[in-house]
Amino acid sequence: MMKIYRLFCGLALSGLLCIGTASAGGVHYTISASTHFYTDQAGQLAGMHMNWVYDPEVSAFILDGRDTSAAGLAQVAEDILADLDELNYFTALSIAGAPVSLSQVSEYSIKLTDQQGLQLGFQLPLAQAVAVDGKTFELVLSDPDATADINYNGVERLRLAESLAEQCAAPTLQGRSVAAAEHELTVQTVTIACE
C-alpha cells in the first residue's frame, strides 16, 4: 500500500491534486499542532507528546475509500507515522544549539474531530533523555517540501511537564515567513529557557 505522504508527493508532481490553499506549486494543507514536553523520572527531557489536527479537506483525501472504523483509522495512523518516521516527524529539536536525536513512535492515537479533521496524537521520545538545566531548547515543526503548513495557534498550545515548569521559563513562540515550493509558509520556533 502506498503511504500517505508518498501519495501526496506523487499526486502533487503529476498535478492531479488540489487541496486546501493549493496554488501553482501543488498540494498545500494545514496541521494545527499542540505539544506537551514530558520528562523521565529523573526530571530530564524525555520527549514530546504531539497532537496534530489535519485540515478537513486533506483528511477527506486521506480517508477517501478507506475503512473509517477504529481498526481502519489505526491503519491510517500507522501509514502516516511510517512516512513521518522517514521524515523525522517534521521535527527539529535542539538543546543549547545542538540537534537532538529522536526515536521511533510506538504510542499513538487517532480520531476524527467534529469538523471531520483527522486528529493524530503521538508520543515522540528522544533517543536519550537530556538534562535541560541551564540550557535553552528549541523546537521547529516544518515540512521541507512545504506541503504541510504546521503551526501552533497560540503559545497556550505548548505545555511543560511539572518538573520542567519548575526550572524553565514559559515557552515562547516566534514565526518567520518562508517562501518554499511556491508557497508562503509561517515556520514557528518554540524556545524554552531553563535555569
C-alpha atoms as a PDB file:
ATOM      1  CA  MET A   1       0.000   0.000   0.000  1.00  0.00           C
ATOM      2  CA  MET A   2       1.305   3.443  -0.889  1.00  0.00           C
ATOM      3  CA  LYS A   3       1.898   5.520   2.214  1.00  0.00           C
ATOM      4  CA  ILE A   4       0.153   8.848   2.812  1.00  0.00           C
ATOM      5  CA  TYR A   5       2.965  11.345   2.157  1.00  0.00           C
ATOM      6  CA  ARG A   6       4.275   9.425  -0.837  1.00  0.00           C
ATOM      7  CA  LEU A   7       0.766   9.586  -2.232  1.00  0.00           C
ATOM      8  CA  PHE A   8       0.702  13.374  -1.726  1.00  0.00           C
ATOM      9  CA  CYS A   9       4.065  13.759  -3.438  1.00  0.00           C
ATOM     10  CA  GLY A  10       3.092  11.581  -6.370  1.00  0.00           C
ATOM     11  CA  LEU A  11      -0.174  13.404  -6.943  1.00  0.00           C
ATOM     12  CA  ALA A  12       1.401  16.804  -6.464  1.00  0.00           C
ATOM     13  CA  LEU A  13       4.094  16.043  -9.024  1.00  0.00           C
ATOM     14  CA  SER A  14       1.578  14.758 -11.518  1.00  0.00           C
ATOM     15  CA  GLY A  15      -0.621  17.841 -10.987  1.00  0.00           C
ATOM     16  CA  LEU A  16      -3.670  15.751 -10.121  1.00  0.00           C
ATOM     17  CA  LEU A  17      -4.393  17.097  -6.676  1.00  0.00           C
ATOM     18  CA  CYS A  18      -5.520  20.482  -5.440  1.00  0.00           C
ATOM     19  CA  ILE A  19      -6.391  20.622  -1.757  1.00  0.00           C
ATOM     20  CA  GLY A  20      -6.779  23.405   0.764  1.00  0.00           C
ATOM     21  CA  THR A  21      -4.930  26.516  -0.351  1.00  0.00           C
ATOM     22  CA  ALA A  22      -3.304  24.824  -3.341  1.00  0.00           C
ATOM     23  CA  SER A  23      -1.582  27.046  -5.843  1.00  0.00           C
ATOM     24  CA  ALA A  24       0.590  26.550  -8.890  1.00  0.00           C
ATOM     25  CA  GLY A  25       3.009  24.788  -6.556  1.00  0.00           C
ATOM     26  CA  GLY A  26       0.610  21.874  -5.963  1.00  0.00           C
ATOM     27  CA  VAL A  27      -0.624  20.394  -2.697  1.00  0.00           C
ATOM     28  CA  HIS A  28      -0.797  22.535   0.415  1.00  0.00           C
ATOM     29  CA  TYR A  29      -2.606  21.769   3.663  1.00  0.00           C
ATOM     30  CA  THR A  30      -2.544  22.808   7.296  1.00  0.00           C
ATOM     31  CA  ILE A  31      -1.886  20.973  10.537  1.00  0.00           C
ATOM     32  CA  SER A  32      -2.831  22.589  13.829  1.00  0.00           C
ATOM     33  CA  ALA A  33      -0.369  21.389  16.465  1.00  0.00           C
ATOM     34  CA  SER A  34      -0.049  21.210  20.219  1.00  0.00           C
ATOM     35  CA  THR A  35       2.892  19.799  22.167  1.00  0.00           C
ATOM     36  CA  HIS A  36       3.449  18.596  25.713  1.00  0.00           C
ATOM     37  CA  PHE A  37       7.110  18.229  26.711  1.00  0.00           C
ATOM     38  CA  TYR A  38       7.472  15.311  29.127  1.00  0.00           C
ATOM     39  CA  THR A  39      10.272  14.095  31.400  1.00  0.00           C
ATOM     40  CA  ASP A  40      11.641  10.845  32.761  1.00  0.00           C
ATOM     41  CA  GLN A  41      11.727  10.006  36.481  1.00  0.00           C
ATOM     42  CA  ALA A  42      14.967  11.964  36.887  1.00  0.00           C
ATOM     43  CA  GLY A  43      13.315  15.128  35.547  1.00  0.00           C
ATOM     44  CA  GLN A  44      15.216  15.086  32.260  1.00  0.00           C
ATOM     45  CA  LEU A  45      13.504  15.958  28.989  1.00  0.00           C
ATOM     46  CA  ALA A  46      12.440  12.585  27.577  1.00  0.00           C
ATOM     47  CA  GLY A  47      10.208  13.514  24.663  1.00  0.00           C
ATOM     48  CA  MET A  48       7.179  15.309  23.324  1.00  0.00           C
ATOM     49  CA  HIS A  49       3.582  14.293  23.085  1.00  0.00           C
ATOM     50  CA  MET A  50       2.361  15.757  19.798  1.00  0.00           C
ATOM     51  CA  ASN A  51      -1.242  16.350  18.864  1.00  0.00           C
ATOM     52  CA  TRP A  52      -1.820  17.241  15.211  1.00  0.00           C
ATOM     53  CA  VAL A  53      -5.188  18.074  13.655  1.00  0.00           C
ATOM     54  CA  TYR A  54      -5.186  17.863   9.854  1.00  0.00           C
ATOM     55  CA  ASP A  55      -7.494  20.199   7.984  1.00  0.00           C
ATOM     56  CA  PRO A  56     -10.822  18.640   6.883  1.00  0.00           C
ATOM     57  CA  GLU A  57     -10.010  18.739   3.158  1.00  0.00           C
ATOM     58  CA  VAL A  58      -6.792  16.772   3.402  1.00  0.00           C
ATOM     59  CA  SER A  59      -8.404  14.480   5.986  1.00  0.00           C
ATOM     60  CA  ALA A  60     -11.147  13.648   3.487  1.00  0.00           C
ATOM     61  CA  PHE A  61      -8.486  12.942   0.866  1.00  0.00           C
ATOM     62  CA  ILE A  62      -6.531  10.675   3.230  1.00  0.00           C
ATOM     63  CA  LEU A  63      -9.686   8.763   4.155  1.00  0.00           C
ATOM     64  CA  ASP A  64     -11.155   8.527   0.652  1.00  0.00           C
ATOM     65  CA  GLY A  65     -12.104   4.888   0.075  1.00  0.00           C
ATOM     66  CA  ARG A  66     -10.570   3.750   3.377  1.00  0.00           C
ATOM     67  CA  ASP A  67     -12.141   1.985   6.304  1.00  0.00           C
ATOM     68  CA  THR A  68     -13.058   4.547   8.986  1.00  0.00           C
ATOM     69  CA  SER A  69     -13.744   2.040  11.752  1.00  0.00           C
ATOM     70  CA  ALA A  70     -11.405   2.105  14.760  1.00  0.00           C
ATOM     71  CA  ALA A  71      -9.241  -0.572  13.115  1.00  0.00           C
ATOM     72  CA  GLY A  72      -9.230   1.301   9.800  1.00  0.00           C
ATOM     73  CA  LEU A  73      -8.227   4.585  11.440  1.00  0.00           C
ATOM     74  CA  ALA A  74      -5.459   2.752  13.313  1.00  0.00           C
ATOM     75  CA  GLN A  75      -4.095   1.614   9.929  1.00  0.00           C
ATOM     76  CA  VAL A  76      -4.260   5.197   8.653  1.00  0.00           C
ATOM     77  CA  ALA A  77      -2.240   6.302  11.694  1.00  0.00           C
ATOM     78  CA  GLU A  78       0.323   3.559  11.079  1.00  0.00           C
ATOM     79  CA  ASP A  79       0.688   4.657   7.437  1.00  0.00           C
ATOM     80  CA  ILE A  80       1.109   8.324   8.370  1.00  0.00           C
ATOM     81  CA  LEU A  81       3.589   7.504  11.136  1.00  0.00           C
ATOM     82  CA  ALA A  82       5.636   5.226   8.861  1.00  0.00           C
ATOM     83  CA  ASP A  83       6.080   8.150   6.478  1.00  0.00           C
ATOM     84  CA  LEU A  84       6.757  10.608   9.283  1.00  0.00           C
ATOM     85  CA  ASP A  85       9.452   8.315  10.667  1.00  0.00           C
ATOM     86  CA  GLU A  86      11.324   8.604   7.353  1.00  0.00           C
ATOM     87  CA  LEU A  87      10.846  12.399   7.501  1.00  0.00           C
ATOM     88  CA  ASN A  88      11.994  12.706  11.153  1.00  0.00           C
ATOM     89  CA  TYR A  89       8.402  13.566  12.079  1.00  0.00           C
ATOM     90  CA  PHE A  90       8.843  17.070  10.548  1.00  0.00           C
ATOM     91  CA  THR A  91      10.510  17.809  13.902  1.00  0.00           C
ATOM     92  CA  ALA A  92      13.809  19.533  14.666  1.00  0.00           C
ATOM     93  CA  LEU A  93      14.680  19.764  18.359  1.00  0.00           C
ATOM     94  CA  SER A  94      17.895  21.332  19.583  1.00  0.00           C
ATOM     95  CA  ILE A  95      19.311  21.885  23.066  1.00  0.00           C
ATOM     96  CA  ALA A  96      21.975  24.568  23.528  1.00  0.00           C
ATOM     97  CA  GLY A  97      22.179  24.720  19.726  1.00  0.00           C
ATOM     98  CA  ALA A  98      22.957  21.002  19.265  1.00  0.00           C
ATOM     99  CA  PRO A  99      20.467  18.775  17.391  1.00  0.00           C
ATOM    100  CA  VAL A 100      18.733  16.117  19.483  1.00  0.00           C
ATOM    101  CA  SER A 101      18.053  12.652  18.023  1.00  0.00           C
ATOM    102  CA  LEU A 102      14.536  11.258  18.161  1.00  0.00           C
ATOM    103  CA  SER A 103      13.319   7.683  18.495  1.00  0.00           C
ATOM    104  CA  GLN A 104      10.556   5.962  16.573  1.00  0.00           C
ATOM    105  CA  VAL A 105       6.969   6.497  17.676  1.00  0.00           C
ATOM    106  CA  SER A 106       5.308   3.465  19.230  1.00  0.00           C
ATOM    107  CA  GLU A 107       2.415   5.091  21.147  1.00  0.00           C
ATOM    108  CA  TYR A 108      -0.267   6.900  19.178  1.00  0.00           C
ATOM    109  CA  SER A 109      -3.990   7.606  18.898  1.00  0.00           C
ATOM    110  CA  ILE A 110      -6.205   8.792  16.060  1.00  0.00           C
ATOM    111  CA  LYS A 111      -9.771  10.019  15.744  1.00  0.00           C
ATOM    112  CA  LEU A 112     -11.982  12.274  13.658  1.00  0.00           C
ATOM    113  CA  THR A 113     -12.871  15.665  15.146  1.00  0.00           C
ATOM    114  CA  ASP A 114     -16.383  17.121  14.986  1.00  0.00           C
ATOM    115  CA  GLN A 115     -15.173  19.149  11.983  1.00  0.00           C
ATOM    116  CA  GLN A 116     -14.057  15.894  10.264  1.00  0.00           C
ATOM    117  CA  GLY A 117     -10.353  16.590  10.614  1.00  0.00           C
ATOM    118  CA  LEU A 118      -8.033  13.725  11.496  1.00  0.00           C
ATOM    119  CA  GLN A 119      -6.539  14.190  14.949  1.00  0.00           C
ATOM    120  CA  LEU A 120      -3.293  12.267  15.342  1.00  0.00           C
ATOM    121  CA  GLY A 121      -1.702  12.077  18.765  1.00  0.00           C
ATOM    122  CA  PHE A 122       1.724  10.509  19.153  1.00  0.00           C
ATOM    123  CA  GLN A 123       4.438  10.268  21.746  1.00  0.00           C
ATOM    124  CA  LEU A 124       7.764  11.224  20.195  1.00  0.00           C
ATOM    125  CA  PRO A 125      10.578  10.072  22.509  1.00  0.00           C
ATOM    126  CA  LEU A 126      14.130  11.352  22.443  1.00  0.00           C
ATOM    127  CA  ALA A 127      16.794   8.777  21.637  1.00  0.00           C
ATOM    128  CA  GLN A 128      18.195   9.595  25.077  1.00  0.00           C
ATOM    129  CA  ALA A 129      16.753  11.776  27.860  1.00  0.00           C
ATOM    130  CA  VAL A 130      18.599  15.076  28.284  1.00  0.00           C
ATOM    131  CA  ALA A 131      19.134  17.354  31.282  1.00  0.00           C
ATOM    132  CA  VAL A 132      18.000  20.873  30.385  1.00  0.00           C
ATOM    133  CA  ASP A 133      19.084  22.796  33.497  1.00  0.00           C
ATOM    134  CA  GLY A 134      20.960  25.918  32.479  1.00  0.00           C
ATOM    135  CA  LYS A 135      20.147  25.315  28.803  1.00  0.00           C
ATOM    136  CA  THR A 136      17.773  26.644  26.193  1.00  0.00           C
ATOM    137  CA  PHE A 137      15.960  24.282  23.884  1.00  0.00           C
ATOM    138  CA  GLU A 138      14.184  24.993  20.628  1.00  0.00           C
ATOM    139  CA  LEU A 139      11.602  23.100  18.610  1.00  0.00           C
ATOM    140  CA  VAL A 140      10.706  23.682  14.966  1.00  0.00           C
ATOM    141  CA  LEU A 141       7.978  21.740  13.134  1.00  0.00           C
ATOM    142  CA  SER A 142       8.437  22.108   9.409  1.00  0.00           C
ATOM    143  CA  ASP A 143       7.805  20.137   6.230  1.00  0.00           C
ATOM    144  CA  PRO A 144      10.862  20.625   3.978  1.00  0.00           C
ATOM    145  CA  ASP A 145       8.678  20.090   0.895  1.00  0.00           C
ATOM    146  CA  ALA A 146       6.299  22.883   2.018  1.00  0.00           C
ATOM    147  CA  THR A 147       3.316  20.604   1.550  1.00  0.00           C
ATOM    148  CA  ALA A 148       2.209  20.793   5.181  1.00  0.00           C
ATOM    149  CA  ASP A 149       1.944  24.110   6.996  1.00  0.00           C
ATOM    150  CA  ILE A 150       2.320  23.031  10.650  1.00  0.00           C
ATOM    151  CA  ASN A 151       1.573  25.673  13.251  1.00  0.00           C
ATOM    152  CA  TYR A 152       0.580  26.317  16.844  1.00  0.00           C
ATOM    153  CA  ASN A 153      -2.486  28.547  17.130  1.00  0.00           C
ATOM    154  CA  GLY A 154      -1.013  30.194  20.226  1.00  0.00           C
ATOM    155  CA  VAL A 155       1.517  29.701  22.990  1.00  0.00           C
ATOM    156  CA  GLU A 156      -1.166  28.007  25.093  1.00  0.00           C
ATOM    157  CA  ARG A 157      -0.747  25.011  22.754  1.00  0.00           C
ATOM    158  CA  LEU A 158       2.637  24.352  24.411  1.00  0.00           C
ATOM    159  CA  ARG A 159       2.831  22.698  27.824  1.00  0.00           C
ATOM    160  CA  LEU A 160       5.697  21.639  30.046  1.00  0.00           C
ATOM    161  CA  ALA A 161       5.792  18.708  32.446  1.00  0.00           C
ATOM    162  CA  GLU A 162       5.641  19.898  36.059  1.00  0.00           C
ATOM    163  CA  SER A 163       9.351  19.287  36.692  1.00  0.00           C
ATOM    164  CA  LEU A 164      10.239  21.318  33.577  1.00  0.00           C
ATOM    165  CA  ALA A 165       7.852  24.126  34.515  1.00  0.00           C
ATOM    166  CA  GLU A 166       9.646  24.426  37.862  1.00  0.00           C
ATOM    167  CA  GLN A 167      13.025  25.127  36.242  1.00  0.00           C
ATOM    168  CA  CYS A 168      12.159  26.630  32.864  1.00  0.00           C
ATOM    169  CA  ALA A 169      10.539  29.841  31.667  1.00  0.00           C
ATOM    170  CA  ALA A 170       7.223  29.616  29.876  1.00  0.00           C
ATOM    171  CA  PRO A 171       7.602  28.685  26.198  1.00  0.00           C
ATOM    172  CA  THR A 172       7.807  31.488  23.658  1.00  0.00           C
ATOM    173  CA  LEU A 173       6.691  31.222  20.063  1.00  0.00           C
ATOM    174  CA  GLN A 174       8.123  33.159  17.124  1.00  0.00           C
ATOM    175  CA  GLY A 175       7.125  32.853  13.491  1.00  0.00           C
ATOM    176  CA  ARG A 176       9.007  33.716  10.350  1.00  0.00           C
ATOM    177  CA  SER A 177       7.674  33.798   6.832  1.00  0.00           C
ATOM    178  CA  VAL A 178       9.332  31.391   4.417  1.00  0.00           C
ATOM    179  CA  ALA A 179       8.822  31.057   0.671  1.00  0.00           C
ATOM    180  CA  ALA A 180       9.123  27.394  -0.322  1.00  0.00           C
ATOM    181  CA  ALA A 181       7.861  25.446  -3.331  1.00  0.00           C
ATOM    182  CA  GLU A 182       5.799  28.445  -4.483  1.00  0.00           C
ATOM    183  CA  HIS A 183       4.046  28.684  -1.097  1.00  0.00           C
ATOM    184  CA  GLU A 184       4.373  31.274   1.617  1.00  0.00           C
ATOM    185  CA  LEU A 185       4.579  29.450   4.949  1.00  0.00           C
ATOM    186  CA  THR A 186       4.972  30.562   8.528  1.00  0.00           C
ATOM    187  CA  VAL A 187       7.624  28.466  10.260  1.00  0.00           C
ATOM    188  CA  GLN A 188       7.405  28.767  14.029  1.00  0.00           C
ATOM    189  CA  THR A 189      10.186  28.304  16.561  1.00  0.00           C
ATOM    190  CA  VAL A 190       9.368  27.292  20.124  1.00  0.00           C
ATOM    191  CA  THR A 191      12.015  28.468  22.604  1.00  0.00           C
ATOM    192  CA  ILE A 192      12.246  27.375  26.244  1.00  0.00           C
ATOM    193  CA  ALA A 193      14.978  28.715  28.528  1.00  0.00           C
ATOM    194  CA  CYS A 194      15.778  26.714  31.658  1.00  0.00           C
ATOM    195  CA  GLU A 195      17.704  27.654  34.789  1.00  0.00           C
END
